[in-house]
Amino acid sequence: MQAIKEKFSDMSTMRKAKAEAKAEEKAEKELAKVRVEVAHEVRLAREAEAAMDMHVNKAAEKIAREEEKHIHESAGTLDPYAAGFTNTNNPTGGGDHYANHPGQLNNAGTGPTNNLL
């Protein structure tokens, strides 16, 4: 009778050990699956970032080309930051005479104002 009780006890212990091993294996498989999914998402994010960088670079190149066109087209511009800045509306050459006279445009492209801040 004692032998039968030991056999049942051993079978119960083996069943518990197998169940624990199976649960551990299942958890490891789920963890591995999550890691694969995370790696996939990271890859997609890197690809999207590379594509975004490419588009930003293309946009910067287009802006540079357009700026080059406008610099060459506007030799007498009123923009002091432009490469070819010349003020064709100031016949006196600057100094104290560089004021907004009637008919003359300032650098903002507007007429004279008498508003003092």
PDB file of N, CA and C in Angstrom:
ATOM      1  N   MET A   1       0.814  -1.172   0.000  1.00  0.00           N
ATOM      2  CA  MET A   1       0.000   0.000   0.000  1.00  0.00           C
ATOM      3  C   MET A   1       0.876   1.261   0.000  1.00  0.00           C
ATOM      4  N   GLN A   2       1.964   1.201   0.750  1.00  0.00           N
ATOM      5  CA  GLN A   2       2.895   2.323   0.808  1.00  0.00           C
ATOM      6  C   GLN A   2       3.498   2.566  -0.573  1.00  0.00           C
ATOM      7  N   ALA A   3       3.778   1.538  -1.322  1.00  0.00           N
ATOM      8  CA  ALA A   3       4.373   1.662  -2.653  1.00  0.00           C
ATOM      9  C   ALA A   3       3.417   2.366  -3.596  1.00  0.00           C
ATOM     10  N   ILE A   4       2.153   2.085  -3.474  1.00  0.00           N
ATOM     11  CA  ILE A   4       1.153   2.722  -4.334  1.00  0.00           C
ATOM     12  C   ILE A   4       1.055   4.212  -4.005  1.00  0.00           C
ATOM     13  N   LYS A   5       1.081   4.546  -2.719  1.00  0.00           N
ATOM     14  CA  LYS A   5       1.025   5.958  -2.324  1.00  0.00           C
ATOM     15  C   LYS A   5       2.239   6.715  -2.849  1.00  0.00           C
ATOM     16  N   GLU A   6       3.420   6.087  -2.779  1.00  0.00           N
ATOM     17  CA  GLU A   6       4.635   6.731  -3.292  1.00  0.00           C
ATOM     18  C   GLU A   6       4.554   6.922  -4.800  1.00  0.00           C
ATOM     19  N   LYS A   7       4.007   5.922  -5.500  1.00  0.00           N
ATOM     20  CA  LYS A   7       3.886   6.020  -6.941  1.00  0.00           C
ATOM     21  C   LYS A   7       2.949   7.168  -7.321  1.00  0.00           C
ATOM     22  N   PHE A   8       1.825   7.309  -6.629  1.00  0.00           N
ATOM     23  CA  PHE A   8       0.906   8.411  -6.889  1.00  0.00           C
ATOM     24  C   PHE A   8       1.556   9.756  -6.557  1.00  0.00           C
ATOM     25  N   SER A   9       2.294   9.789  -5.490  1.00  0.00           N
ATOM     26  CA  SER A   9       2.995  11.009  -5.099  1.00  0.00           C
ATOM     27  C   SER A   9       4.032  11.386  -6.158  1.00  0.00           C
ATOM     28  N   ASP A  10       4.778  10.411  -6.640  1.00  0.00           N
ATOM     29  CA  ASP A  10       5.772  10.663  -7.687  1.00  0.00           C
ATOM     30  C   ASP A  10       5.099  11.149  -8.972  1.00  0.00           C
ATOM     31  N   MET A  11       3.959  10.529  -9.332  1.00  0.00           N
ATOM     32  CA  MET A  11       3.236  10.926 -10.540  1.00  0.00           C
ATOM     33  C   MET A  11       2.727  12.368 -10.408  1.00  0.00           C
ATOM     34  N   SER A  12       2.244  12.702  -9.236  1.00  0.00           N
ATOM     35  CA  SER A  12       1.752  14.049  -8.989  1.00  0.00           C
ATOM     36  C   SER A  12       2.898  15.060  -9.078  1.00  0.00           C
ATOM     37  N   THR A  13       4.032  14.733  -8.498  1.00  0.00           N
ATOM     38  CA  THR A  13       5.205  15.606  -8.556  1.00  0.00           C
ATOM     39  C   THR A  13       5.674  15.783  -9.997  1.00  0.00           C
ATOM     40  N   MET A  14       5.698  14.712 -10.781  1.00  0.00           N
ATOM     41  CA  MET A  14       6.104  14.776 -12.192  1.00  0.00           C
ATOM     42  C   MET A  14       5.127  15.644 -12.990  1.00  0.00           C
ATOM     43  N   ARG A  15       3.839  15.485 -12.726  1.00  0.00           N
ATOM     44  CA  ARG A  15       2.833  16.284 -13.416  1.00  0.00           C
ATOM     45  C   ARG A  15       3.035  17.766 -13.120  1.00  0.00           C
ATOM     46  N   LYS A  16       3.294  18.106 -11.858  1.00  0.00           N
ATOM     47  CA  LYS A  16       3.530  19.494 -11.479  1.00  0.00           C
ATOM     48  C   LYS A  16       4.790  20.033 -12.153  1.00  0.00           C
ATOM     49  N   ALA A  17       5.857  19.234 -12.179  1.00  0.00           N
ATOM     50  CA  ALA A  17       7.115  19.659 -12.800  1.00  0.00           C
ATOM     51  C   ALA A  17       6.923  19.880 -14.293  1.00  0.00           C
ATOM     52  N   LYS A  18       6.186  18.976 -14.953  1.00  0.00           N
ATOM     53  CA  LYS A  18       5.927  19.126 -16.386  1.00  0.00           C
ATOM     54  C   LYS A  18       5.089  20.377 -16.655  1.00  0.00           C
ATOM     55  N   ALA A  19       4.078  20.609 -15.827  1.00  0.00           N
ATOM     56  CA  ALA A  19       3.226  21.781 -15.998  1.00  0.00           C
ATOM     57  C   ALA A  19       4.031  23.070 -15.819  1.00  0.00           C
ATOM     58  N   GLU A  20       4.910  23.082 -14.811  1.00  0.00           N
ATOM     59  CA  GLU A  20       5.755  24.252 -14.590  1.00  0.00           C
ATOM     60  C   GLU A  20       6.702  24.476 -15.765  1.00  0.00           C
ATOM     61  N   ALA A  21       7.313  23.400 -16.264  1.00  0.00           N
ATOM     62  CA  ALA A  21       8.229  23.521 -17.400  1.00  0.00           C
ATOM     63  C   ALA A  21       7.483  24.009 -18.642  1.00  0.00           C
ATOM     64  N   LYS A  22       6.276  23.491 -18.840  1.00  0.00           N
ATOM     65  CA  LYS A  22       5.480  23.887 -19.991  1.00  0.00           C
ATOM     66  C   LYS A  22       5.090  25.370 -19.875  1.00  0.00           C
ATOM     67  N   ALA A  23       4.698  25.807 -18.683  1.00  0.00           N
ATOM     68  CA  ALA A  23       4.335  27.207 -18.477  1.00  0.00           C
ATOM     69  C   ALA A  23       5.544  28.118 -18.689  1.00  0.00           C
ATOM     70  N   GLU A  24       6.707  27.694 -18.211  1.00  0.00           N
ATOM     71  CA  GLU A  24       7.934  28.475 -18.401  1.00  0.00           C
ATOM     72  C   GLU A  24       8.288  28.574 -19.880  1.00  0.00           C
ATOM     73  N   GLU A  25       8.158  27.451 -20.595  1.00  0.00           N
ATOM     74  CA  GLU A  25       8.436  27.446 -22.034  1.00  0.00           C
ATOM     75  C   GLU A  25       7.474  28.380 -22.772  1.00  0.00           C
ATOM     76  N   LYS A  26       6.220  28.356 -22.388  1.00  0.00           N
ATOM     77  CA  LYS A  26       5.215  29.216 -23.010  1.00  0.00           C
ATOM     78  C   LYS A  26       5.553  30.686 -22.768  1.00  0.00           C
ATOM     79  N   ALA A  27       5.945  31.013 -21.548  1.00  0.00           N
ATOM     80  CA  ALA A  27       6.321  32.390 -21.215  1.00  0.00           C
ATOM     81  C   ALA A  27       7.538  32.834 -22.023  1.00  0.00           C
ATOM     82  N   GLU A  28       8.528  31.946 -22.164  1.00  0.00           N
ATOM     83  CA  GLU A  28       9.723  32.271 -22.946  1.00  0.00           C
ATOM     84  C   GLU A  28       9.364  32.487 -24.412  1.00  0.00           C
ATOM     85  N   LYS A  29       8.446  31.647 -24.938  1.00  0.00           N
ATOM     86  CA  LYS A  29       8.020  31.818 -26.333  1.00  0.00           C
ATOM     87  C   LYS A  29       7.309  33.154 -26.528  1.00  0.00           C
ATOM     88  N   GLU A  30       6.455  33.522 -25.570  1.00  0.00           N
ATOM     89  CA  GLU A  30       5.756  34.803 -25.662  1.00  0.00           C
ATOM     90  C   GLU A  30       6.740  35.967 -25.599  1.00  0.00           C
ATOM     91  N   LEU A  31       7.745  35.849 -24.722  1.00  0.00           N
ATOM     92  CA  LEU A  31       8.764  36.883 -24.610  1.00  0.00           C
ATOM     93  C   LEU A  31       9.556  36.993 -25.913  1.00  0.00           C
ATOM     94  N   ALA A  32       9.893  35.862 -26.494  1.00  0.00           N
ATOM     95  CA  ALA A  32      10.627  35.876 -27.763  1.00  0.00           C
ATOM     96  C   ALA A  32       9.771  36.506 -28.866  1.00  0.00           C
ATOM     97  N   LYS A  33       8.487  36.200 -28.858  1.00  0.00           N
ATOM     98  CA  LYS A  33       7.578  36.763 -29.856  1.00  0.00           C
ATOM     99  C   LYS A  33       7.512  38.284 -29.705  1.00  0.00           C
ATOM    100  N   VAL A  34       7.434  38.753 -28.470  1.00  0.00           N
ATOM    101  CA  VAL A  34       7.395  40.193 -28.219  1.00  0.00           C
ATOM    102  C   VAL A  34       8.696  40.845 -28.677  1.00  0.00           C
ATOM    103  N   ARG A  35       9.819  40.181 -28.407  1.00  0.00           N
ATOM    104  CA  ARG A  35      11.114  40.732 -28.845  1.00  0.00           C
ATOM    105  C   ARG A  35      11.181  40.843 -30.355  1.00  0.00           C
ATOM    106  N   VAL A  36      10.658  39.845 -31.066  1.00  0.00           N
ATOM    107  CA  VAL A  36      10.640  39.888 -32.532  1.00  0.00           C
ATOM    108  C   VAL A  36       9.761  41.051 -33.004  1.00  0.00           C
ATOM    109  N   GLU A  37       8.601  41.226 -32.364  1.00  0.00           N
ATOM    110  CA  GLU A  37       7.714  42.319 -32.740  1.00  0.00           C
ATOM    111  C   GLU A  37       8.358  43.678 -32.469  1.00  0.00           C
ATOM    112  N   VAL A  38       9.049  43.797 -31.342  1.00  0.00           N
ATOM    113  CA  VAL A  38       9.734  45.051 -31.016  1.00  0.00           C
ATOM    114  C   VAL A  38      10.839  45.324 -32.039  1.00  0.00           C
ATOM    115  N   ALA A  39      11.602  44.301 -32.379  1.00  0.00           N
ATOM    116  CA  ALA A  39      12.663  44.466 -33.375  1.00  0.00           C
ATOM    117  C   ALA A  39      12.072  44.908 -34.709  1.00  0.00           C
ATOM    118  N   HIS A  40      10.929  44.352 -35.066  1.00  0.00           N
ATOM    119  CA  HIS A  40      10.258  44.721 -36.315  1.00  0.00           C
ATOM    120  C   HIS A  40       9.843  46.195 -36.277  1.00  0.00           C
ATOM    121  N   GLU A  41       9.259  46.624 -35.169  1.00  0.00           N
ATOM    122  CA  GLU A  41       8.832  48.016 -35.037  1.00  0.00           C
ATOM    123  C   GLU A  41      10.025  48.966 -35.058  1.00  0.00           C
ATOM    124  N   VAL A  42      11.118  48.573 -34.430  1.00  0.00           N
ATOM    125  CA  VAL A  42      12.326  49.402 -34.427  1.00  0.00           C
ATOM    126  C   VAL A  42      12.856  49.538 -35.859  1.00  0.00           C
ATOM    127  N   ARG A  43      12.841  48.441 -36.590  1.00  0.00           N
ATOM    128  CA  ARG A  43      13.283  48.500 -37.988  1.00  0.00           C
ATOM    129  C   ARG A  43      12.402  49.437 -38.797  1.00  0.00           C
ATOM    130  N   LEU A  44      11.100  49.337 -38.620  1.00  0.00           N
ATOM    131  CA  LEU A  44      10.179  50.218 -39.345  1.00  0.00           C
ATOM    132  C   LEU A  44      10.421  51.681 -38.967  1.00  0.00           C
ATOM    133  N   ALA A  45      10.672  51.932 -37.690  1.00  0.00           N
ATOM    134  CA  ALA A  45      10.936  53.300 -37.240  1.00  0.00           C
ATOM    135  C   ALA A  45      12.224  53.840 -37.854  1.00  0.00           C
ATOM    136  N   ARG A  46      13.244  53.010 -37.918  1.00  0.00           N
ATOM    137  CA  ARG A  46      14.511  53.445 -38.528  1.00  0.00           C
ATOM    138  C   ARG A  46      14.327  53.729 -40.013  1.00  0.00           C
ATOM    139  N   GLU A  47      13.561  52.885 -40.695  1.00  0.00           N
ATOM    140  CA  GLU A  47      13.298  53.114 -42.117  1.00  0.00           C
ATOM    141  C   GLU A  47      12.526  54.417 -42.311  1.00  0.00           C
ATOM    142  N   ALA A  48      11.533  54.657 -41.461  1.00  0.00           N
ATOM    143  CA  ALA A  48      10.750  55.885 -41.560  1.00  0.00           C
ATOM    144  C   ALA A  48      11.623  57.108 -41.278  1.00  0.00           C
ATOM    145  N   GLU A  49      12.519  56.995 -40.305  1.00  0.00           N
ATOM    146  CA  GLU A  49      13.419  58.102 -39.995  1.00  0.00           C
ATOM    147  C   GLU A  49      14.357  58.384 -41.161  1.00  0.00           C
ATOM    148  N   ALA A  50      14.860  57.333 -41.789  1.00  0.00           N
ATOM    149  CA  ALA A  50      15.732  57.510 -42.942  1.00  0.00           C
ATOM    150  C   ALA A  50      14.970  58.168 -44.094  1.00  0.00           C
ATOM    151  N   ALA A  51      13.728  57.746 -44.309  1.00  0.00           N
ATOM    152  CA  ALA A  51      12.916  58.347 -45.364  1.00  0.00           C
ATOM    153  C   ALA A  51      12.646  59.816 -45.052  1.00  0.00           C
ATOM    154  N   MET A  52      12.368  60.127 -43.788  1.00  0.00           N
ATOM    155  CA  MET A  52      12.125  61.508 -43.393  1.00  0.00           C
ATOM    156  C   MET A  52      13.378  62.353 -43.630  1.00  0.00           C
ATOM    157  N   ASP A  53      14.540  61.831 -43.241  1.00  0.00           N
ATOM    158  CA  ASP A  53      15.793  62.551 -43.462  1.00  0.00           C
ATOM    159  C   ASP A  53      16.014  62.811 -44.948  1.00  0.00           C
ATOM    160  N   MET A  54      15.702  61.809 -45.775  1.00  0.00           N
ATOM    161  CA  MET A  54      15.863  61.968 -47.214  1.00  0.00           C
ATOM    162  C   MET A  54      14.969  63.093 -47.723  1.00  0.00           C
ATOM    163  N   HIS A  55      13.719  63.134 -47.263  1.00  0.00           N
ATOM    164  CA  HIS A  55      12.798  64.172 -47.710  1.00  0.00           C
ATOM    165  C   HIS A  55      13.221  65.554 -47.210  1.00  0.00           C
ATOM    166  N   VAL A  56      13.724  65.616 -45.990  1.00  0.00           N
ATOM    167  CA  VAL A  56      14.208  66.899 -45.456  1.00  0.00           C
ATOM    168  C   VAL A  56      15.394  67.388 -46.282  1.00  0.00           C
ATOM    169  N   ASN A  57      16.299  66.481 -46.625  1.00  0.00           N
ATOM    170  CA  ASN A  57      17.455  66.862 -47.437  1.00  0.00           C
ATOM    171  C   ASN A  57      17.031  67.326 -48.823  1.00  0.00           C
ATOM    172  N   LYS A  58      16.050  66.626 -49.418  1.00  0.00           N
ATOM    173  CA  LYS A  58      15.548  67.038 -50.729  1.00  0.00           C
ATOM    174  C   LYS A  58      14.938  68.433 -50.649  1.00  0.00           C
ATOM    175  N   ALA A  59      14.162  68.675 -49.591  1.00  0.00           N
ATOM    176  CA  ALA A  59      13.545  69.992 -49.419  1.00  0.00           C
ATOM    177  C   ALA A  59      14.612  71.068 -49.260  1.00  0.00           C
ATOM    178  N   ALA A  60      15.652  70.782 -48.490  1.00  0.00           N
ATOM    179  CA  ALA A  60      16.735  71.752 -48.296  1.00  0.00           C
ATOM    180  C   ALA A  60      17.439  72.041 -49.615  1.00  0.00           C
ATOM    181  N   GLU A  61      17.646  71.008 -50.419  1.00  0.00           N
ATOM    182  CA  GLU A  61      18.275  71.208 -51.735  1.00  0.00           C
ATOM    183  C   GLU A  61      17.399  72.070 -52.630  1.00  0.00           C
ATOM    184  N   LYS A  62      16.084  71.831 -52.619  1.00  0.00           N
ATOM    185  CA  LYS A  62      15.178  72.639 -53.435  1.00  0.00           C
ATOM    186  C   LYS A  62      15.193  74.085 -52.981  1.00  0.00           C
ATOM    187  N   ILE A  63      15.200  74.304 -51.671  1.00  0.00           N
ATOM    188  CA  ILE A  63      15.250  75.670 -51.151  1.00  0.00           C
ATOM    189  C   ILE A  63      16.544  76.345 -51.587  1.00  0.00           C
ATOM    190  N   ALA A  64      17.645  75.625 -51.497  1.00  0.00           N
ATOM    191  CA  ALA A  64      18.935  76.195 -51.900  1.00  0.00           C
ATOM    192  C   ALA A  64      18.931  76.560 -53.382  1.00  0.00           C
ATOM    193  N   ARG A  65      18.357  75.672 -54.214  1.00  0.00           N
ATOM    194  CA  ARG A  65      18.286  75.967 -55.658  1.00  0.00           C
ATOM    195  C   ARG A  65      17.422  77.199 -55.914  1.00  0.00           C
ATOM    196  N   GLU A  66      16.283  77.302 -55.227  1.00  0.00           N
ATOM    197  CA  GLU A  66      15.408  78.455 -55.409  1.00  0.00           C
ATOM    198  C   GLU A  66      16.083  79.735 -54.937  1.00  0.00           C
ATOM    199  N   GLU A  67      16.810  79.671 -53.820  1.00  0.00           N
ATOM    200  CA  GLU A  67      17.522  80.850 -53.343  1.00  0.00           C
ATOM    201  C   GLU A  67      18.589  81.280 -54.338  1.00  0.00           C
ATOM    202  N   GLU A  68      19.279  80.330 -54.925  1.00  0.00           N
ATOM    203  CA  GLU A  68      20.288  80.646 -55.945  1.00  0.00           C
ATOM    204  C   GLU A  68      19.639  81.345 -57.134  1.00  0.00           C
ATOM    205  N   LYS A  69      18.476  80.858 -57.560  1.00  0.00           N
ATOM    206  CA  LYS A  69      17.772  81.480 -58.685  1.00  0.00           C
ATOM    207  C   LYS A  69      17.423  82.920 -58.348  1.00  0.00           C
ATOM    208  N   HIS A  70      16.892  83.141 -57.142  1.00  0.00           N
ATOM    209  CA  HIS A  70      16.461  84.478 -56.763  1.00  0.00           C
ATOM    210  C   HIS A  70      17.638  85.420 -56.551  1.00  0.00           C
ATOM    211  N   ILE A  71      18.750  84.905 -56.100  1.00  0.00           N
ATOM    212  CA  ILE A  71      19.936  85.751 -55.924  1.00  0.00           C
ATOM    213  C   ILE A  71      20.419  86.229 -57.278  1.00  0.00           C
ATOM    214  N   HIS A  72      20.414  85.334 -58.274  1.00  0.00           N
ATOM    215  CA  HIS A  72      20.874  85.710 -59.603  1.00  0.00           C
ATOM    216  C   HIS A  72      19.863  86.593 -60.320  1.00  0.00           C
ATOM    217  N   GLU A  73      18.580  86.408 -60.055  1.00  0.00           N
ATOM    218  CA  GLU A  73      17.539  87.182 -60.723  1.00  0.00           C
ATOM    219  C   GLU A  73      17.417  88.587 -60.154  1.00  0.00           C
ATOM    220  N   SER A  74      17.666  88.775 -58.875  1.00  0.00           N
ATOM    221  CA  SER A  74      17.440  90.077 -58.243  1.00  0.00           C
ATOM    222  C   SER A  74      18.764  90.706 -57.839  1.00  0.00           C
ATOM    223  N   ALA A  75      19.419  91.338 -58.805  1.00  0.00           N
ATOM    224  CA  ALA A  75      20.710  91.966 -58.517  1.00  0.00           C
ATOM    225  C   ALA A  75      20.531  93.247 -57.717  1.00  0.00           C
ATOM    226  N   GLY A  76      19.440  93.995 -57.898  1.00  0.00           N
ATOM    227  CA  GLY A  76      19.213  95.249 -57.184  1.00  0.00           C
ATOM    228  C   GLY A  76      18.109  95.094 -56.166  1.00  0.00           C
ATOM    229  N   THR A  77      18.288  94.246 -55.202  1.00  0.00           N
ATOM    230  CA  THR A  77      17.240  93.980 -54.218  1.00  0.00           C
ATOM    231  C   THR A  77      17.359  94.912 -53.034  1.00  0.00           C
ATOM    232  N   LEU A  78      16.260  95.108 -52.336  1.00  0.00           N
ATOM    233  CA  LEU A  78      16.263  95.927 -51.123  1.00  0.00           C
ATOM    234  C   LEU A  78      16.461  95.086 -49.874  1.00  0.00           C
ATOM    235  N   ASP A  79      16.674  93.806 -50.029  1.00  0.00           N
ATOM    236  CA  ASP A  79      16.864  92.898 -48.893  1.00  0.00           C
ATOM    237  C   ASP A  79      18.322  92.969 -48.449  1.00  0.00           C
ATOM    238  N   PRO A  80      18.617  93.526 -47.265  1.00  0.00           N
ATOM    239  CA  PRO A  80      20.011  93.657 -46.850  1.00  0.00           C
ATOM    240  C   PRO A  80      20.692  92.324 -46.589  1.00  0.00           C
ATOM    241  N   TYR A  81      19.911  91.246 -46.471  1.00  0.00           N
ATOM    242  CA  TYR A  81      20.495  89.936 -46.225  1.00  0.00           C
ATOM    243  C   TYR A  81      20.755  89.183 -47.518  1.00  0.00           C
ATOM    244  N   ALA A  82      20.292  89.701 -48.633  1.00  0.00           N
ATOM    245  CA  ALA A  82      20.523  89.056 -49.917  1.00  0.00           C
ATOM    246  C   ALA A  82      21.967  89.284 -50.326  1.00  0.00           C
ATOM    247  N   ALA A  83      22.483  88.379 -51.149  1.00  0.00           N
ATOM    248  CA  ALA A  83      23.899  88.456 -51.540  1.00  0.00           C
ATOM    249  C   ALA A  83      24.179  89.690 -52.380  1.00  0.00           C
ATOM    250  N   GLY A  84      23.259  90.094 -53.227  1.00  0.00           N
ATOM    251  CA  GLY A  84      23.502  91.237 -54.104  1.00  0.00           C
ATOM    252  C   GLY A  84      22.763  92.472 -53.644  1.00  0.00           C
ATOM    253  N   PHE A  85      22.877  92.867 -52.388  1.00  0.00           N
ATOM    254  CA  PHE A  85      22.132  93.993 -51.835  1.00  0.00           C
ATOM    255  C   PHE A  85      22.607  95.299 -52.430  1.00  0.00           C
ATOM    256  N   THR A  86      21.681  96.002 -53.053  1.00  0.00           N
ATOM    257  CA  THR A  86      21.921  97.381 -53.487  1.00  0.00           C
ATOM    258  C   THR A  86      20.624  98.131 -53.324  1.00  0.00           C
ATOM    259  N   ASN A  87      20.700  99.331 -52.821  1.00  0.00           N
ATOM    260  CA  ASN A  87      19.507 100.143 -52.660  1.00  0.00           C
ATOM    261  C   ASN A  87      19.490 101.150 -53.799  1.00  0.00           C
ATOM    262  N   THR A  88      18.688 100.866 -54.810  1.00  0.00           N
ATOM    263  CA  THR A  88      18.626 101.731 -55.985  1.00  0.00           C
ATOM    264  C   THR A  88      17.762 102.953 -55.736  1.00  0.00           C
ATOM    265  N   ASN A  89      17.073 103.034 -54.617  1.00  0.00           N
ATOM    266  CA  ASN A  89      16.199 104.165 -54.321  1.00  0.00           C
ATOM    267  C   ASN A  89      16.899 105.261 -53.522  1.00  0.00           C
ATOM    268  N   ASN A  90      18.165 105.106 -53.226  1.00  0.00           N
ATOM    269  CA  ASN A  90      18.881 106.093 -52.422  1.00  0.00           C
ATOM    270  C   ASN A  90      19.975 106.726 -53.279  1.00  0.00           C
ATOM    271  N   PRO A  91      19.672 107.829 -53.949  1.00  0.00           N
ATOM    272  CA  PRO A  91      20.657 108.423 -54.853  1.00  0.00           C
ATOM    273  C   PRO A  91      21.814 109.108 -54.135  1.00  0.00           C
ATOM    274  N   THR A  92      21.666 109.439 -52.872  1.00  0.00           N
ATOM    275  CA  THR A  92      22.722 110.168 -52.177  1.00  0.00           C
ATOM    276  C   THR A  92      23.824 109.257 -51.678  1.00  0.00           C
ATOM    277  N   GLY A  93      23.589 107.953 -51.623  1.00  0.00           N
ATOM    278  CA  GLY A  93      24.633 107.041 -51.201  1.00  0.00           C
ATOM    279  C   GLY A  93      24.617 106.721 -49.729  1.00  0.00           C
ATOM    280  N   GLY A  94      23.666 107.193 -48.957  1.00  0.00           N
ATOM    281  CA  GLY A  94      23.574 106.793 -47.554  1.00  0.00           C
ATOM    282  C   GLY A  94      23.912 107.915 -46.615  1.00  0.00           C
ATOM    283  N   GLY A  95      24.385 107.583 -45.455  1.00  0.00           N
ATOM    284  CA  GLY A  95      24.740 108.587 -44.449  1.00  0.00           C
ATOM    285  C   GLY A  95      23.503 109.227 -43.862  1.00  0.00           C
ATOM    286  N   ASP A  96      23.642 110.554 -43.533  1.00  0.00           N
ATOM    287  CA  ASP A  96      22.517 111.280 -42.951  1.00  0.00           C
ATOM    288  C   ASP A  96      21.385 111.450 -43.948  1.00  0.00           C
ATOM    289  N   HIS A  97      21.704 111.351 -45.202  1.00  0.00           N
ATOM    290  CA  HIS A  97      20.688 111.539 -46.230  1.00  0.00           C
ATOM    291  C   HIS A  97      19.895 110.269 -46.481  1.00  0.00           C
ATOM    292  N   TYR A  98      20.238 109.208 -45.799  1.00  0.00           N
ATOM    293  CA  TYR A  98      19.522 107.950 -46.002  1.00  0.00           C
ATOM    294  C   TYR A  98      18.242 107.982 -45.172  1.00  0.00           C
ATOM    295  N   ALA A  99      17.239 108.625 -45.698  1.00  0.00           N
ATOM    296  CA  ALA A  99      15.952 108.738 -45.021  1.00  0.00           C
ATOM    297  C   ALA A  99      14.881 108.426 -46.044  1.00  0.00           C
ATOM    298  N   ASN A 100      13.698 108.172 -45.562  1.00  0.00           N
ATOM    299  CA  ASN A 100      12.590 107.906 -46.468  1.00  0.00           C
ATOM    300  C   ASN A 100      12.023 109.220 -46.992  1.00  0.00           C
ATOM    301  N   HIS A 101      12.316 109.521 -48.226  1.00  0.00           N
ATOM    302  CA  HIS A 101      11.784 110.706 -48.875  1.00  0.00           C
ATOM    303  C   HIS A 101      10.555 110.302 -49.664  1.00  0.00           C
ATOM    304  N   PRO A 102       9.659 111.248 -49.962  1.00  0.00           N
ATOM    305  CA  PRO A 102       8.470 110.892 -50.752  1.00  0.00           C
ATOM    306  C   PRO A 102       8.871 110.199 -52.047  1.00  0.00           C
ATOM    307  N   GLY A 103       8.210 109.100 -52.318  1.00  0.00           N
ATOM    308  CA  GLY A 103       8.509 108.328 -53.518  1.00  0.00           C
ATOM    309  C   GLY A 103       9.575 107.274 -53.311  1.00  0.00           C
ATOM    310  N   GLN A 104      10.221 107.281 -52.168  1.00  0.00           N
ATOM    311  CA  GLN A 104      11.281 106.324 -51.890  1.00  0.00           C
ATOM    312  C   GLN A 104      10.731 105.213 -51.003  1.00  0.00           C
ATOM    313  N   LEU A 105      11.158 103.985 -51.262  1.00  0.00           N
ATOM    314  CA  LEU A 105      10.736 102.840 -50.460  1.00  0.00           C
ATOM    315  C   LEU A 105      11.819 102.491 -49.459  1.00  0.00           C
ATOM    316  N   ASN A 106      11.386 102.082 -48.294  1.00  0.00           N
ATOM    317  CA  ASN A 106      12.360 101.611 -47.311  1.00  0.00           C
ATOM    318  C   ASN A 106      12.633 100.127 -47.540  1.00  0.00           C
ATOM    319  N   ASN A 107      13.469  99.519 -46.707  1.00  0.00           N
ATOM    320  CA  ASN A 107      13.840  98.116 -46.895  1.00  0.00           C
ATOM    321  C   ASN A 107      12.670  97.157 -46.736  1.00  0.00           C
ATOM    322  N   ALA A 108      11.609  97.561 -46.061  1.00  0.00           N
ATOM    323  CA  ALA A 108      10.436  96.717 -45.913  1.00  0.00           C
ATOM    324  C   ALA A 108       9.545  96.808 -47.136  1.00  0.00           C
ATOM    325  N   GLY A 109       9.874  97.720 -48.088  1.00  0.00           N
ATOM    326  CA  GLY A 109       9.078  97.854 -49.296  1.00  0.00           C
ATOM    327  C   GLY A 109       7.876  98.758 -49.097  1.00  0.00           C
ATOM    328  N   THR A 110       7.870  99.559 -48.027  1.00  0.00           N
ATOM    329  CA  THR A 110       6.757 100.479 -47.777  1.00  0.00           C
ATOM    330  C   THR A 110       7.248 101.902 -47.918  1.00  0.00           C
ATOM    331  N   GLY A 111       6.310 102.843 -47.953  1.00  0.00           N
ATOM    332  CA  GLY A 111       6.656 104.242 -48.083  1.00  0.00           C
ATOM    333  C   GLY A 111       7.158 104.822 -46.794  1.00  0.00           C
ATOM    334  N   PRO A 112       7.441 106.141 -46.802  1.00  0.00           N
ATOM    335  CA  PRO A 112       7.977 106.795 -45.619  1.00  0.00           C
ATOM    336  C   PRO A 112       6.951 106.883 -44.488  1.00  0.00           C
ATOM    337  N   THR A 113       7.449 106.837 -43.273  1.00  0.00           N
ATOM    338  CA  THR A 113       6.599 107.010 -42.095  1.00  0.00           C
ATOM    339  C   THR A 113       7.252 108.032 -41.189  1.00  0.00           C
ATOM    340  N   ASN A 114       6.430 108.741 -40.427  1.00  0.00           N
ATOM    341  CA  ASN A 114       6.937 109.734 -39.478  1.00  0.00           C
ATOM    342  C   ASN A 114       6.712 109.259 -38.054  1.00  0.00           C
ATOM    343  N   ASN A 115       6.458 107.965 -37.875  1.00  0.00           N
ATOM    344  CA  ASN A 115       6.205 107.438 -36.541  1.00  0.00           C
ATOM    345  C   ASN A 115       7.510 107.158 -35.830  1.00  0.00           C
ATOM    346  N   LEU A 116       7.740 107.819 -34.752  1.00  0.00           N
ATOM    347  CA  LEU A 116       8.934 107.575 -33.965  1.00  0.00           C
ATOM    348  C   LEU A 116       8.512 106.795 -32.720  1.00  0.00           C
ATOM    349  N   LEU A 117       9.251 105.781 -32.417  1.00  0.00           N
ATOM    350  CA  LEU A 117       8.899 104.962 -31.261  1.00  0.00           C
ATOM    351  C   LEU A 117       9.435 105.567 -30.053  1.00  0.00           C
TER     352      LEU A 117
END
